[in-house]
PDB file of N, CA and C in Angstrom:
ATOM      1  N   MET A   1      16.032  42.432  44.055  1.00  0.00           N
ATOM      2  CA  MET A   1      15.746  43.353  42.888  1.00  0.00           C
ATOM      3  C   MET A   1      14.642  44.287  43.359  1.00  0.00           C
ATOM      4  N   GLN A   2      14.352  44.457  44.570  1.00  0.00           N
ATOM      5  CA  GLN A   2      13.331  45.385  44.926  1.00  0.00           C
ATOM      6  C   GLN A   2      13.717  46.819  44.466  1.00  0.00           C
ATOM      7  N   GLY A   3      12.696  47.501  43.994  1.00  0.00           N
ATOM      8  CA  GLY A   3      12.974  48.883  43.507  1.00  0.00           C
ATOM      9  C   GLY A   3      13.357  48.902  42.047  1.00  0.00           C
ATOM     10  N   LYS A   4      13.591  47.812  41.407  1.00  0.00           N
ATOM     11  CA  LYS A   4      13.910  47.755  40.063  1.00  0.00           C
ATOM     12  C   LYS A   4      12.622  47.811  39.237  1.00  0.00           C
ATOM     13  N   HIS A   5      12.674  48.557  38.067  1.00  0.00           N
ATOM     14  CA  HIS A   5      11.509  48.669  37.218  1.00  0.00           C
ATOM     15  C   HIS A   5      11.822  47.872  35.962  1.00  0.00           C
ATOM     16  N   LEU A   6      10.969  46.916  35.633  1.00  0.00           N
ATOM     17  CA  LEU A   6      11.068  46.134  34.352  1.00  0.00           C
ATOM     18  C   LEU A   6      10.506  47.125  33.277  1.00  0.00           C
ATOM     19  N   TYR A   7      11.378  47.221  32.148  1.00  0.00           N
ATOM     20  CA  TYR A   7      10.873  48.176  31.110  1.00  0.00           C
ATOM     21  C   TYR A   7      11.180  47.472  29.788  1.00  0.00           C
ATOM     22  N   GLU A   8      10.636  47.996  28.736  1.00  0.00           N
ATOM     23  CA  GLU A   8      10.917  47.715  27.384  1.00  0.00           C
ATOM     24  C   GLU A   8      11.272  48.970  26.696  1.00  0.00           C
ATOM     25  N   TYR A   9      12.208  48.872  25.667  1.00  0.00           N
ATOM     26  CA  TYR A   9      12.487  50.037  24.906  1.00  0.00           C
ATOM     27  C   TYR A   9      12.706  49.682  23.464  1.00  0.00           C
ATOM     28  N   THR A  10      12.588  50.650  22.614  1.00  0.00           N
ATOM     29  CA  THR A  10      12.696  50.525  21.188  1.00  0.00           C
ATOM     30  C   THR A  10      13.507  51.686  20.700  1.00  0.00           C
ATOM     31  N   ILE A  11      14.231  51.510  19.625  1.00  0.00           N
ATOM     32  CA  ILE A  11      14.957  52.569  18.977  1.00  0.00           C
ATOM     33  C   ILE A  11      14.188  53.083  17.792  1.00  0.00           C
ATOM     34  N   VAL A  12      14.035  54.390  17.692  1.00  0.00           N
ATOM     35  CA  VAL A  12      13.380  55.072  16.516  1.00  0.00           C
ATOM     36  C   VAL A  12      14.488  55.370  15.447  1.00  0.00           C
ATOM     37  N   ARG A  13      14.193  54.932  14.258  1.00  0.00           N
ATOM     38  CA  ARG A  13      15.119  55.056  13.224  1.00  0.00           C
ATOM     39  C   ARG A  13      14.601  55.811  11.975  1.00  0.00           C
ATOM     40  N   ILE A  14      15.517  56.442  11.319  1.00  0.00           N
ATOM     41  CA  ILE A  14      15.188  57.023   9.951  1.00  0.00           C
ATOM     42  C   ILE A  14      15.723  56.074   8.951  1.00  0.00           C
ATOM     43  N   VAL A  15      14.891  55.594   7.998  1.00  0.00           N
ATOM     44  CA  VAL A  15      15.253  54.699   7.027  1.00  0.00           C
ATOM     45  C   VAL A  15      15.031  55.512   5.639  1.00  0.00           C
ATOM     46  N   PRO A  16      15.945  56.277   5.210  1.00  0.00           N
ATOM     47  CA  PRO A  16      15.706  57.164   4.077  1.00  0.00           C
ATOM     48  C   PRO A  16      15.315  56.390   2.805  1.00  0.00           C
ATOM     49  N   LYS A  17      15.933  55.340   2.464  1.00  0.00           N
ATOM     50  CA  LYS A  17      15.543  54.569   1.266  1.00  0.00           C
ATOM     51  C   LYS A  17      15.276  53.108   1.718  1.00  0.00           C
ATOM     52  N   ILE A  18      14.057  52.774   1.854  1.00  0.00           N
ATOM     53  CA  ILE A  18      13.638  51.576   2.526  1.00  0.00           C
ATOM     54  C   ILE A  18      14.249  50.363   1.762  1.00  0.00           C
ATOM     55  N   GLU A  19      14.321  50.448   0.498  1.00  0.00           N
ATOM     56  CA  GLU A  19      14.884  49.288  -0.348  1.00  0.00           C
ATOM     57  C   GLU A  19      16.339  49.041  -0.045  1.00  0.00           C
ATOM     58  N   ARG A  20      17.083  50.085   0.459  1.00  0.00           N
ATOM     59  CA  ARG A  20      18.541  49.867   0.768  1.00  0.00           C
ATOM     60  C   ARG A  20      18.751  49.361   2.215  1.00  0.00           C
ATOM     61  N   GLU A  21      17.762  49.475   3.073  1.00  0.00           N
ATOM     62  CA  GLU A  21      17.782  48.956   4.446  1.00  0.00           C
ATOM     63  C   GLU A  21      18.829  49.713   5.255  1.00  0.00           C
ATOM     64  N   GLU A  22      19.269  50.910   4.850  1.00  0.00           N
ATOM     65  CA  GLU A  22      20.215  51.684   5.644  1.00  0.00           C
ATOM     66  C   GLU A  22      19.389  52.577   6.646  1.00  0.00           C
ATOM     67  N   PHE A  23      19.891  52.759   7.788  1.00  0.00           N
ATOM     68  CA  PHE A  23      19.168  53.570   8.777  1.00  0.00           C
ATOM     69  C   PHE A  23      20.112  54.291   9.722  1.00  0.00           C
ATOM     70  N   PHE A  24      19.594  55.259  10.439  1.00  0.00           N
ATOM     71  CA  PHE A  24      20.334  55.808  11.537  1.00  0.00           C
ATOM     72  C   PHE A  24      19.349  56.166  12.617  1.00  0.00           C
ATOM     73  N   ASN A  25      19.853  55.968  13.905  1.00  0.00           N
ATOM     74  CA  ASN A  25      18.998  56.181  15.069  1.00  0.00           C
ATOM     75  C   ASN A  25      18.723  57.593  15.329  1.00  0.00           C
ATOM     76  N   VAL A  26      17.439  57.954  15.643  1.00  0.00           N
ATOM     77  CA  VAL A  26      17.100  59.253  16.020  1.00  0.00           C
ATOM     78  C   VAL A  26      16.304  59.325  17.258  1.00  0.00           C
ATOM     79  N   GLY A  27      15.874  58.296  17.873  1.00  0.00           N
ATOM     80  CA  GLY A  27      15.211  58.390  19.122  1.00  0.00           C
ATOM     81  C   GLY A  27      15.058  57.037  19.849  1.00  0.00           C
ATOM     82  N   VAL A  28      14.401  57.185  20.984  1.00  0.00           N
ATOM     83  CA  VAL A  28      14.130  55.942  21.896  1.00  0.00           C
ATOM     84  C   VAL A  28      12.864  56.155  22.578  1.00  0.00           C
ATOM     85  N   ILE A  29      12.109  55.052  22.679  1.00  0.00           N
ATOM     86  CA  ILE A  29      10.892  55.061  23.395  1.00  0.00           C
ATOM     87  C   ILE A  29      11.030  54.021  24.520  1.00  0.00           C
ATOM     88  N   ILE A  30      10.642  54.327  25.701  1.00  0.00           N
ATOM     89  CA  ILE A  30      10.780  53.383  26.872  1.00  0.00           C
ATOM     90  C   ILE A  30       9.367  53.281  27.495  1.00  0.00           C
ATOM     91  N   TYR A  31       9.003  52.028  27.873  1.00  0.00           N
ATOM     92  CA  TYR A  31       7.695  51.801  28.452  1.00  0.00           C
ATOM     93  C   TYR A  31       7.890  50.798  29.565  1.00  0.00           C
ATOM     94  N   ALA A  32       7.271  51.142  30.707  1.00  0.00           N
ATOM     95  CA  ALA A  32       7.246  50.226  31.868  1.00  0.00           C
ATOM     96  C   ALA A  32       5.850  50.073  32.330  1.00  0.00           C
ATOM     97  N   LYS A  33       5.276  48.911  32.146  1.00  0.00           N
ATOM     98  CA  LYS A  33       3.865  48.644  32.421  1.00  0.00           C
ATOM     99  C   LYS A  33       3.507  48.886  33.881  1.00  0.00           C
ATOM    100  N   GLN A  34       4.281  48.151  34.741  1.00  0.00           N
ATOM    101  CA  GLN A  34       3.892  48.143  36.237  1.00  0.00           C
ATOM    102  C   GLN A  34       4.183  49.587  36.804  1.00  0.00           C
ATOM    103  N   SER A  35       5.079  50.286  36.221  1.00  0.00           N
ATOM    104  CA  SER A  35       5.369  51.655  36.790  1.00  0.00           C
ATOM    105  C   SER A  35       4.519  52.695  36.066  1.00  0.00           C
ATOM    106  N   LYS A  36       3.681  52.306  35.110  1.00  0.00           N
ATOM    107  CA  LYS A  36       2.886  53.179  34.287  1.00  0.00           C
ATOM    108  C   LYS A  36       3.696  54.387  33.805  1.00  0.00           C
ATOM    109  N   PHE A  37       4.750  53.995  33.124  1.00  0.00           N
ATOM    110  CA  PHE A  37       5.719  55.047  32.599  1.00  0.00           C
ATOM    111  C   PHE A  37       5.865  54.809  31.064  1.00  0.00           C
ATOM    112  N   ILE A  38       5.859  55.886  30.374  1.00  0.00           N
ATOM    113  CA  ILE A  38       6.284  55.879  29.011  1.00  0.00           C
ATOM    114  C   ILE A  38       6.895  57.205  28.682  1.00  0.00           C
ATOM    115  N   ASP A  39       7.935  57.189  27.779  1.00  0.00           N
ATOM    116  CA  ASP A  39       8.607  58.418  27.425  1.00  0.00           C
ATOM    117  C   ASP A  39       9.282  58.190  26.100  1.00  0.00           C
ATOM    118  N   MET A  40       9.471  59.347  25.342  1.00  0.00           N
ATOM    119  CA  MET A  40      10.077  59.335  24.093  1.00  0.00           C
ATOM    120  C   MET A  40      11.079  60.557  24.018  1.00  0.00           C
ATOM    121  N   ARG A  41      12.241  60.278  23.488  1.00  0.00           N
ATOM    122  CA  ARG A  41      13.201  61.362  23.199  1.00  0.00           C
ATOM    123  C   ARG A  41      13.695  61.102  21.762  1.00  0.00           C
ATOM    124  N   TYR A  42      13.860  62.260  21.032  1.00  0.00           N
ATOM    125  CA  TYR A  42      14.468  62.119  19.690  1.00  0.00           C
ATOM    126  C   TYR A  42      15.251  63.346  19.334  1.00  0.00           C
ATOM    127  N   HIS A  43      16.150  63.169  18.366  1.00  0.00           N
ATOM    128  CA  HIS A  43      16.924  64.275  17.866  1.00  0.00           C
ATOM    129  C   HIS A  43      17.399  63.890  16.451  1.00  0.00           C
ATOM    130  N   VAL A  44      17.166  64.717  15.518  1.00  0.00           N
ATOM    131  CA  VAL A  44      17.555  64.427  14.113  1.00  0.00           C
ATOM    132  C   VAL A  44      18.764  65.406  13.829  1.00  0.00           C
ATOM    133  N   ASP A  45      19.852  64.846  13.398  1.00  0.00           N
ATOM    134  CA  ASP A  45      20.980  65.644  13.028  1.00  0.00           C
ATOM    135  C   ASP A  45      20.820  66.043  11.505  1.00  0.00           C
ATOM    136  N   PRO A  46      20.604  67.271  11.236  1.00  0.00           N
ATOM    137  CA  PRO A  46      20.285  67.634   9.849  1.00  0.00           C
ATOM    138  C   PRO A  46      21.459  67.273   8.938  1.00  0.00           C
ATOM    139  N   GLN A  47      22.731  67.348   9.285  1.00  0.00           N
ATOM    140  CA  GLN A  47      23.827  67.021   8.404  1.00  0.00           C
ATOM    141  C   GLN A  47      23.765  65.499   8.119  1.00  0.00           C
ATOM    142  N   LYS A  48      23.532  64.681   9.123  1.00  0.00           N
ATOM    143  CA  LYS A  48      23.471  63.261   8.878  1.00  0.00           C
ATOM    144  C   LYS A  48      22.316  62.887   7.937  1.00  0.00           C
ATOM    145  N   LEU A  49      21.175  63.491   8.179  1.00  0.00           N
ATOM    146  CA  LEU A  49      20.048  63.321   7.321  1.00  0.00           C
ATOM    147  C   LEU A  49      20.362  63.671   5.858  1.00  0.00           C
ATOM    148  N   ASN A  50      20.956  64.829   5.683  1.00  0.00           N
ATOM    149  CA  ASN A  50      21.329  65.279   4.374  1.00  0.00           C
ATOM    150  C   ASN A  50      22.336  64.362   3.707  1.00  0.00           C
ATOM    151  N   ALA A  51      23.290  63.830   4.509  1.00  0.00           N
ATOM    152  CA  ALA A  51      24.298  62.908   3.942  1.00  0.00           C
ATOM    153  C   ALA A  51      23.600  61.577   3.489  1.00  0.00           C
ATOM    154  N   PHE A  52      22.677  61.081   4.273  1.00  0.00           N
ATOM    155  CA  PHE A  52      21.956  59.888   3.899  1.00  0.00           C
ATOM    156  C   PHE A  52      21.104  60.032   2.722  1.00  0.00           C
ATOM    157  N   CYS A  53      20.330  61.167   2.737  1.00  0.00           N
ATOM    158  CA  CYS A  53      19.318  61.331   1.704  1.00  0.00           C
ATOM    159  C   CYS A  53      18.908  62.806   1.695  1.00  0.00           C
ATOM    160  N   PRO A  54      19.598  63.617   0.702  1.00  0.00           N
ATOM    161  CA  PRO A  54      19.267  65.048   0.666  1.00  0.00           C
ATOM    162  C   PRO A  54      17.862  65.339   0.236  1.00  0.00           C
ATOM    163  N   ASP A  55      17.100  64.296  -0.339  1.00  0.00           N
ATOM    164  CA  ASP A  55      15.768  64.502  -0.835  1.00  0.00           C
ATOM    165  C   ASP A  55      14.770  64.532   0.351  1.00  0.00           C
ATOM    166  N   LEU A  56      15.132  64.025   1.518  1.00  0.00           N
ATOM    167  CA  LEU A  56      14.151  63.955   2.617  1.00  0.00           C
ATOM    168  C   LEU A  56      13.890  65.369   3.162  1.00  0.00           C
ATOM    169  N   ASP A  57      12.677  65.636   3.515  1.00  0.00           N
ATOM    170  CA  ASP A  57      12.282  66.924   4.107  1.00  0.00           C
ATOM    171  C   ASP A  57      12.367  66.880   5.657  1.00  0.00           C
ATOM    172  N   LEU A  58      13.386  67.579   6.160  1.00  0.00           N
ATOM    173  CA  LEU A  58      13.674  67.602   7.635  1.00  0.00           C
ATOM    174  C   LEU A  58      12.426  68.045   8.394  1.00  0.00           C
ATOM    175  N   GLU A  59      11.787  69.022   7.861  1.00  0.00           N
ATOM    176  CA  GLU A  59      10.605  69.593   8.582  1.00  0.00           C
ATOM    177  C   GLU A  59       9.481  68.564   8.644  1.00  0.00           C
ATOM    178  N   GLN A  60       9.277  67.797   7.661  1.00  0.00           N
ATOM    179  CA  GLN A  60       8.231  66.723   7.710  1.00  0.00           C
ATOM    180  C   GLN A  60       8.621  65.586   8.660  1.00  0.00           C
ATOM    181  N   ILE A  61       9.939  65.265   8.631  1.00  0.00           N
ATOM    182  CA  ILE A  61      10.472  64.263   9.565  1.00  0.00           C
ATOM    183  C   ILE A  61      10.219  64.689  10.983  1.00  0.00           C
ATOM    184  N   GLU A  62      10.530  65.895  11.300  1.00  0.00           N
ATOM    185  CA  GLU A  62      10.331  66.432  12.611  1.00  0.00           C
ATOM    186  C   GLU A  62       8.806  66.438  13.070  1.00  0.00           C
ATOM    187  N   LYS A  63       8.036  66.811  12.117  1.00  0.00           N
ATOM    188  CA  LYS A  63       6.563  66.738  12.368  1.00  0.00           C
ATOM    189  C   LYS A  63       6.125  65.347  12.727  1.00  0.00           C
ATOM    190  N   ASN A  64       6.582  64.333  11.935  1.00  0.00           N
ATOM    191  CA  ASN A  64       6.210  63.005  12.208  1.00  0.00           C
ATOM    192  C   ASN A  64       6.787  62.411  13.459  1.00  0.00           C
ATOM    193  N   LEU A  65       8.085  62.835  13.851  1.00  0.00           N
ATOM    194  CA  LEU A  65       8.594  62.315  15.106  1.00  0.00           C
ATOM    195  C   LEU A  65       7.827  63.088  16.290  1.00  0.00           C
ATOM    196  N   GLU A  66       7.416  64.300  16.115  1.00  0.00           N
ATOM    197  CA  GLU A  66       6.651  64.951  17.200  1.00  0.00           C
ATOM    198  C   GLU A  66       5.312  64.225  17.314  1.00  0.00           C
ATOM    199  N   ALA A  67       4.698  63.779  16.237  1.00  0.00           N
ATOM    200  CA  ALA A  67       3.438  63.011  16.398  1.00  0.00           C
ATOM    201  C   ALA A  67       3.731  61.704  17.133  1.00  0.00           C
ATOM    202  N   PHE A  68       4.799  61.003  16.887  1.00  0.00           N
ATOM    203  CA  PHE A  68       5.161  59.797  17.606  1.00  0.00           C
ATOM    204  C   PHE A  68       5.257  60.099  19.113  1.00  0.00           C
ATOM    205  N   LYS A  69       5.931  61.266  19.419  1.00  0.00           N
ATOM    206  CA  LYS A  69       6.064  61.597  20.841  1.00  0.00           C
ATOM    207  C   LYS A  69       4.667  61.951  21.484  1.00  0.00           C
ATOM    208  N   ALA A  70       3.862  62.676  20.756  1.00  0.00           N
ATOM    209  CA  ALA A  70       2.549  63.040  21.283  1.00  0.00           C
ATOM    210  C   ALA A  70       1.721  61.765  21.528  1.00  0.00           C
ATOM    211  N   ILE A  71       1.780  60.825  20.576  1.00  0.00           N
ATOM    212  CA  ILE A  71       1.073  59.551  20.709  1.00  0.00           C
ATOM    213  C   ILE A  71       1.567  58.823  21.966  1.00  0.00           C
ATOM    214  N   SER A  72       2.929  58.734  22.065  1.00  0.00           N
ATOM    215  CA  SER A  72       3.482  57.950  23.261  1.00  0.00           C
ATOM    216  C   SER A  72       3.058  58.602  24.552  1.00  0.00           C
ATOM    217  N   LEU A  73       2.956  59.906  24.578  1.00  0.00           N
ATOM    218  CA  LEU A  73       2.610  60.570  25.833  1.00  0.00           C
ATOM    219  C   LEU A  73       1.064  60.658  26.063  1.00  0.00           C
ATOM    220  N   GLY A  74       0.321  60.277  25.073  1.00  0.00           N
ATOM    221  CA  GLY A  74      -1.119  60.265  25.208  1.00  0.00           C
ATOM    222  C   GLY A  74      -1.710  61.627  25.132  1.00  0.00           C
ATOM    223  N   GLN A  75      -1.103  62.584  24.359  1.00  0.00           N
ATOM    224  CA  GLN A  75      -1.617  63.869  24.203  1.00  0.00           C
ATOM    225  C   GLN A  75      -2.846  63.838  23.316  1.00  0.00           C
ATOM    226  N   LYS A  76      -3.927  64.461  23.807  1.00  0.00           N
ATOM    227  CA  LYS A  76      -5.261  64.339  23.073  1.00  0.00           C
ATOM    228  C   LYS A  76      -5.176  64.881  21.693  1.00  0.00           C
ATOM    229  N   GLU A  77      -4.399  65.939  21.415  1.00  0.00           N
ATOM    230  CA  GLU A  77      -4.332  66.503  20.054  1.00  0.00           C
ATOM    231  C   GLU A  77      -3.642  65.501  19.073  1.00  0.00           C
ATOM    232  N   ALA A  78      -3.045  64.412  19.563  1.00  0.00           N
ATOM    233  CA  ALA A  78      -2.519  63.436  18.642  1.00  0.00           C
ATOM    234  C   ALA A  78      -3.492  62.440  18.068  1.00  0.00           C
ATOM    235  N   GLY A  79      -4.781  62.531  18.400  1.00  0.00           N
ATOM    236  CA  GLY A  79      -5.789  61.789  17.823  1.00  0.00           C
ATOM    237  C   GLY A  79      -6.172  60.508  18.605  1.00  0.00           C
ATOM    238  N   ARG A  80      -6.888  59.628  17.897  1.00  0.00           N
ATOM    239  CA  ARG A  80      -7.493  58.434  18.533  1.00  0.00           C
ATOM    240  C   ARG A  80      -6.471  57.480  19.120  1.00  0.00           C
ATOM    241  N   ILE A  81      -5.326  57.319  18.381  1.00  0.00           N
ATOM    242  CA  ILE A  81      -4.338  56.355  18.891  1.00  0.00           C
ATOM    243  C   ILE A  81      -3.797  56.829  20.236  1.00  0.00           C
ATOM    244  N   ALA A  82      -3.618  58.138  20.416  1.00  0.00           N
ATOM    245  CA  ALA A  82      -3.135  58.693  21.645  1.00  0.00           C
ATOM    246  C   ALA A  82      -4.146  58.464  22.890  1.00  0.00           C
ATOM    247  N   GLU A  83      -5.413  58.198  22.494  1.00  0.00           N
ATOM    248  CA  GLU A  83      -6.385  57.927  23.513  1.00  0.00           C
ATOM    249  C   GLU A  83      -6.332  56.515  24.026  1.00  0.00           C
ATOM    250  N   MET A  84      -5.658  55.670  23.355  1.00  0.00           N
ATOM    251  CA  MET A  84      -5.546  54.253  23.794  1.00  0.00           C
ATOM    252  C   MET A  84      -4.732  54.136  25.038  1.00  0.00           C
ATOM    253  N   ASP A  85      -4.848  52.959  25.752  1.00  0.00           N
ATOM    254  CA  ASP A  85      -4.132  52.823  26.966  1.00  0.00           C
ATOM    255  C   ASP A  85      -2.589  52.792  26.657  1.00  0.00           C
ATOM    256  N   MET A  86      -1.740  52.929  27.649  1.00  0.00           N
ATOM    257  CA  MET A  86      -0.309  53.100  27.445  1.00  0.00           C
ATOM    258  C   MET A  86       0.265  51.896  26.618  1.00  0.00           C
ATOM    259  N   ALA A  87      -0.071  50.652  27.072  1.00  0.00           N
ATOM    260  CA  ALA A  87       0.493  49.445  26.410  1.00  0.00           C
ATOM    261  C   ALA A  87       0.082  49.475  24.933  1.00  0.00           C
ATOM    262  N   SER A  88      -1.132  49.751  24.571  1.00  0.00           N
ATOM    263  CA  SER A  88      -1.605  49.743  23.205  1.00  0.00           C
ATOM    264  C   SER A  88      -0.795  50.871  22.397  1.00  0.00           C
ATOM    265  N   ARG A  89      -0.626  52.018  22.995  1.00  0.00           N
ATOM    266  CA  ARG A  89       0.188  53.051  22.313  1.00  0.00           C
ATOM    267  C   ARG A  89       1.565  52.598  21.971  1.00  0.00           C
ATOM    268  N   PHE A  90       2.191  51.936  22.985  1.00  0.00           N
ATOM    269  CA  PHE A  90       3.589  51.424  22.824  1.00  0.00           C
ATOM    270  C   PHE A  90       3.587  50.414  21.701  1.00  0.00           C
ATOM    271  N   ARG A  91       2.634  49.474  21.740  1.00  0.00           N
ATOM    272  CA  ARG A  91       2.605  48.446  20.702  1.00  0.00           C
ATOM    273  C   ARG A  91       2.340  49.012  19.325  1.00  0.00           C
ATOM    274  N   TRP A  92       1.466  49.979  19.202  1.00  0.00           N
ATOM    275  CA  TRP A  92       1.254  50.687  17.934  1.00  0.00           C
ATOM    276  C   TRP A  92       2.524  51.359  17.391  1.00  0.00           C
ATOM    277  N   LEU A  93       3.217  52.077  18.288  1.00  0.00           N
ATOM    278  CA  LEU A  93       4.392  52.743  17.891  1.00  0.00           C
ATOM    279  C   LEU A  93       5.530  51.755  17.413  1.00  0.00           C
ATOM    280  N   THR A  94       5.578  50.612  18.057  1.00  0.00           N
ATOM    281  CA  THR A  94       6.634  49.687  17.756  1.00  0.00           C
ATOM    282  C   THR A  94       6.192  48.603  16.705  1.00  0.00           C
ATOM    283  N   ALA A  95       5.076  48.738  16.113  1.00  0.00           N
ATOM    284  CA  ALA A  95       4.660  47.831  15.056  1.00  0.00           C
ATOM    285  C   ALA A  95       5.581  47.960  13.876  1.00  0.00           C
ATOM    286  N   THR A  96       5.740  46.816  13.252  1.00  0.00           N
ATOM    287  CA  THR A  96       6.644  46.789  11.982  1.00  0.00           C
ATOM    288  C   THR A  96       5.929  47.589  10.909  1.00  0.00           C
ATOM    289  N   ARG A  97       6.618  48.440  10.316  1.00  0.00           N
ATOM    290  CA  ARG A  97       6.132  49.300   9.257  1.00  0.00           C
ATOM    291  C   ARG A  97       7.156  49.495   8.133  1.00  0.00           C
ATOM    292  N   SER A  98       6.741  49.806   6.964  1.00  0.00           N
ATOM    293  CA  SER A  98       7.589  50.058   5.866  1.00  0.00           C
ATOM    294  C   SER A  98       7.473  51.499   5.557  1.00  0.00           C
ATOM    295  N   SER A  99       8.169  52.350   6.313  1.00  0.00           N
ATOM    296  CA  SER A  99       8.142  53.756   6.100  1.00  0.00           C
ATOM    297  C   SER A  99       9.419  54.358   6.436  1.00  0.00           C
ATOM    298  N   VAL A 100       9.564  55.674   6.258  1.00  0.00           N
ATOM    299  CA  VAL A 100      10.883  56.325   6.573  1.00  0.00           C
ATOM    300  C   VAL A 100      11.140  56.271   8.048  1.00  0.00           C
ATOM    301  N   ILE A 101      10.147  56.344   8.899  1.00  0.00           N
ATOM    302  CA  ILE A 101      10.372  56.260  10.362  1.00  0.00           C
ATOM    303  C   ILE A 101       9.940  54.863  10.741  1.00  0.00           C
ATOM    304  N   GLN A 102      10.907  54.151  11.397  1.00  0.00           N
ATOM    305  CA  GLN A 102      10.630  52.765  11.811  1.00  0.00           C
ATOM    306  C   GLN A 102      11.197  52.576  13.201  1.00  0.00           C
ATOM    307  N   THR A 103      10.833  51.552  13.878  1.00  0.00           N
ATOM    308  CA  THR A 103      11.355  51.222  15.199  1.00  0.00           C
ATOM    309  C   THR A 103      11.988  49.863  15.177  1.00  0.00           C
ATOM    310  N   SER A 104      12.960  49.699  16.088  1.00  0.00           N
ATOM    311  CA  SER A 104      13.674  48.395  16.187  1.00  0.00           C
ATOM    312  C   SER A 104      12.674  47.420  16.847  1.00  0.00           C
ATOM    313  N   LYS A 105      13.165  46.222  17.062  1.00  0.00           N
ATOM    314  CA  LYS A 105      12.400  45.227  17.875  1.00  0.00           C
ATOM    315  C   LYS A 105      12.532  45.793  19.291  1.00  0.00           C
ATOM    316  N   THR A 106      11.667  45.367  20.174  1.00  0.00           N
ATOM    317  CA  THR A 106      11.688  45.914  21.579  1.00  0.00           C
ATOM    318  C   THR A 106      12.736  45.075  22.325  1.00  0.00           C
ATOM    319  N   HIS A 107      13.378  45.682  23.326  1.00  0.00           N
ATOM    320  CA  HIS A 107      14.339  45.094  24.149  1.00  0.00           C
ATOM    321  C   HIS A 107      13.927  45.300  25.594  1.00  0.00           C
ATOM    322  N   PRO A 108      14.163  44.298  26.476  1.00  0.00           N
ATOM    323  CA  PRO A 108      13.810  44.491  27.954  1.00  0.00           C
ATOM    324  C   PRO A 108      14.986  44.958  28.726  1.00  0.00           C
ATOM    325  N   GLY A 109      14.643  45.421  29.910  1.00  0.00           N
ATOM    326  CA  GLY A 109      15.693  45.799  30.853  1.00  0.00           C
ATOM    327  C   GLY A 109      15.154  46.104  32.234  1.00  0.00           C
ATOM    328  N   PHE A 110      16.012  46.258  33.226  1.00  0.00           N
ATOM    329  CA  PHE A 110      15.658  46.635  34.558  1.00  0.00           C
ATOM    330  C   PHE A 110      16.284  48.020  34.893  1.00  0.00           C
ATOM    331  N   SER A 111      15.595  48.804  35.667  1.00  0.00           N
ATOM    332  CA  SER A 111      16.075  50.163  35.975  1.00  0.00           C
ATOM    333  C   SER A 111      15.726  50.520  37.307  1.00  0.00           C
ATOM    334  N   ASP A 112      16.696  51.287  37.942  1.00  0.00           N
ATOM    335  CA  ASP A 112      16.356  51.871  39.254  1.00  0.00           C
ATOM    336  C   ASP A 112      15.626  53.220  39.081  1.00  0.00           C
ATOM    337  N   SER A 113      15.895  53.925  37.988  1.00  0.00           N
ATOM    338  CA  SER A 113      15.310  55.150  37.651  1.00  0.00           C
ATOM    339  C   SER A 113      15.004  55.241  36.183  1.00  0.00           C
ATOM    340  N   LEU A 114      13.730  55.161  35.858  1.00  0.00           N
ATOM    341  CA  LEU A 114      13.305  55.164  34.434  1.00  0.00           C
ATOM    342  C   LEU A 114      13.693  56.424  33.734  1.00  0.00           C
ATOM    343  N   PRO A 115      13.549  57.621  34.335  1.00  0.00           N
ATOM    344  CA  PRO A 115      13.995  58.873  33.587  1.00  0.00           C
ATOM    345  C   PRO A 115      15.500  58.833  33.342  1.00  0.00           C
ATOM    346  N   GLU A 116      16.255  58.364  34.244  1.00  0.00           N
ATOM    347  CA  GLU A 116      17.701  58.243  34.005  1.00  0.00           C
ATOM    348  C   GLU A 116      18.039  57.163  32.907  1.00  0.00           C
ATOM    349  N   THR A 117      17.317  56.139  32.898  1.00  0.00           N
ATOM    350  CA  THR A 117      17.488  55.095  31.831  1.00  0.00           C
ATOM    351  C   THR A 117      17.209  55.676  30.478  1.00  0.00           C
ATOM    352  N   VAL A 118      16.086  56.464  30.384  1.00  0.00           N
ATOM    353  CA  VAL A 118      15.733  57.120  29.064  1.00  0.00           C
ATOM    354  C   VAL A 118      16.924  57.982  28.635  1.00  0.00           C
ATOM    355  N   ALA A 119      17.438  58.786  29.530  1.00  0.00           N
ATOM    356  CA  ALA A 119      18.560  59.638  29.168  1.00  0.00           C
ATOM    357  C   ALA A 119      19.830  58.841  28.772  1.00  0.00           C
ATOM    358  N   CYS A 120      20.067  57.809  29.509  1.00  0.00           N
ATOM    359  CA  CYS A 120      21.221  56.949  29.217  1.00  0.00           C
ATOM    360  C   CYS A 120      21.113  56.317  27.857  1.00  0.00           C
ATOM    361  N   LEU A 121      19.974  55.698  27.609  1.00  0.00           N
ATOM    362  CA  LEU A 121      19.775  55.022  26.322  1.00  0.00           C
ATOM    363  C   LEU A 121      19.809  56.070  25.186  1.00  0.00           C
ATOM    364  N   PHE A 122      19.262  57.189  25.345  1.00  0.00           N
ATOM    365  CA  PHE A 122      19.245  58.267  24.352  1.00  0.00           C
ATOM    366  C   PHE A 122      20.630  58.675  24.055  1.00  0.00           C
ATOM    367  N   ASN A 123      21.446  58.897  25.036  1.00  0.00           N
ATOM    368  CA  ASN A 123      22.851  59.342  24.874  1.00  0.00           C
ATOM    369  C   ASN A 123      23.689  58.268  24.208  1.00  0.00           C
ATOM    370  N   GLU A 124      23.516  56.995  24.568  1.00  0.00           N
ATOM    371  CA  GLU A 124      24.333  55.899  24.079  1.00  0.00           C
ATOM    372  C   GLU A 124      23.936  55.523  22.650  1.00  0.00           C
ATOM    373  N   LEU A 125      22.596  55.552  22.349  1.00  0.00           N
ATOM    374  CA  LEU A 125      22.149  54.967  21.115  1.00  0.00           C
ATOM    375  C   LEU A 125      21.771  56.035  20.032  1.00  0.00           C
ATOM    376  N   VAL A 126      21.566  57.231  20.429  1.00  0.00           N
ATOM    377  CA  VAL A 126      21.137  58.273  19.484  1.00  0.00           C
ATOM    378  C   VAL A 126      22.213  59.307  19.273  1.00  0.00           C
ATOM    379  N   LEU A 127      22.664  59.923  20.348  1.00  0.00           N
ATOM    380  CA  LEU A 127      23.621  61.087  20.232  1.00  0.00           C
ATOM    381  C   LEU A 127      24.994  60.660  19.921  1.00  0.00           C
TER     382      LEU A 127
END
């Protein structure tokens, strides 16, 4: 297994009406501690969002997802949470929350190429 990277990933979801527990996937966050790697990709389909809940503000959803990405990447403009170490940022992003943007439980895996794995997971689970 030499060359394999152990990683964890989570799916980012939009839950338009929390009480109904319906959701659709909009992103993926992948974290590999030993490789010091973290990345996030997301995409919101406006038609799907409108079909699920026309009352949701697409612009606000995009801003919130961009904040998730900035935090995951440790960008200083994202505030104090983004200044935390990589593991703490990942755990904060994957914490259980009762909001419109939620994450799945984390899942482990092995990868030869973490950037390729991000792309693969994103294509399979989001697009």
